Protein backbone atom coordinates (compact mmCIF):
# COMPACT_ATOMS: atom_id res chain seq x y z
CA MET A 1 -2.41 10.70 0.63
CA CYS A 2 -5.99 9.42 0.48
CA GLN A 3 -7.21 7.94 3.41
CA ALA A 4 -10.11 5.26 2.73
CA ALA A 5 -13.46 5.83 4.23
CA VAL A 6 -14.67 3.53 6.88
CA GLY A 7 -18.34 2.00 7.02
CA LYS A 8 -19.78 -0.69 9.20
CA VAL A 9 -20.72 -4.09 8.34
CA ILE A 10 -24.48 -4.43 8.55
CA ARG A 11 -25.45 -6.97 5.93
CA VAL A 12 -23.17 -9.68 4.51
CA ASP A 13 -24.56 -11.30 1.21
CA GLY A 14 -21.99 -14.41 -0.33
CA LYS A 15 -18.99 -11.76 -1.60
CA SER A 16 -21.10 -8.55 -1.45
CA ILE A 17 -21.60 -6.72 2.00
CA THR A 18 -23.53 -3.80 3.33
CA VAL A 19 -22.11 -1.13 5.47
CA GLU A 20 -22.98 2.16 6.81
CA PHE A 21 -21.78 5.20 6.02
CA ASN A 22 -22.47 8.63 7.24
CA GLY A 23 -25.76 7.45 7.93
CA LYS A 24 -25.97 5.82 4.12
CA THR A 25 -25.57 2.45 3.10
CA ARG A 26 -23.12 1.42 0.63
CA MET A 27 -22.70 -1.91 -1.07
CA LEU A 28 -19.51 -3.39 -1.58
CA ASP A 29 -17.14 -6.12 -3.49
CA SER A 30 -15.66 -7.86 0.35
CA GLY A 31 -13.74 -10.61 -1.93
CA LEU A 32 -10.49 -9.16 -0.21
CA VAL A 33 -11.86 -9.15 2.90
CA GLU A 34 -13.00 -11.51 5.22
CA ALA A 35 -16.20 -9.55 7.09
CA LYS A 36 -18.96 -10.63 9.21
CA VAL A 37 -21.70 -8.24 10.84
CA GLY A 38 -20.49 -5.68 12.58
CA ASP A 39 -16.93 -5.30 11.55
CA TYR A 40 -15.77 -2.12 10.36
CA VAL A 41 -14.30 -2.10 6.84
CA GLN A 42 -11.86 0.66 5.19
CA PHE A 43 -13.16 0.84 1.20
CA SER A 44 -12.71 2.85 -1.67
CA MET A 45 -14.47 2.90 -5.42
CA ASN A 46 -16.95 0.18 -3.36
CA ILE A 47 -14.43 -2.59 -2.90
CA ALA A 48 -13.45 -3.45 1.00
CA LEU A 49 -9.67 -3.34 1.59
CA ASP A 50 -9.39 -4.04 4.84
CA ARG A 51 -10.70 -4.70 8.10
CA VAL A 52 -10.45 -2.12 11.10
CA ASP A 53 -11.08 -2.56 14.89
CA GLU A 54 -13.59 -0.57 16.49
CA ASP A 55 -11.01 2.37 17.88
CA GLU A 56 -9.29 2.84 14.63
CA ALA A 57 -12.63 3.11 12.58
CA ARG A 58 -13.57 5.83 15.66
CA ILE A 59 -10.55 7.55 15.35
CA ILE A 60 -10.69 7.21 11.26
CA LEU A 61 -14.30 8.50 11.41
CA SER A 62 -13.48 11.54 13.58
CA GLY A 63 -11.22 13.03 10.99
CA MET A 64 -13.18 12.55 8.13
CA LYS A 65 -15.87 15.42 9.86
């Protein structure tokens, strides 16, 4: 099973969001997720899939190192 990556939302522009992930930024389609700046989202293939709370995001990120 594949784990979706997690990033912190740093910008919202309509149906696009920009997330910070591993020190880089990435623009995602957010049509499936309602996210605001400061939220964490799981994403795959430039599509935000789900919003996750900060504790869950930290757990996922620690496992991806």
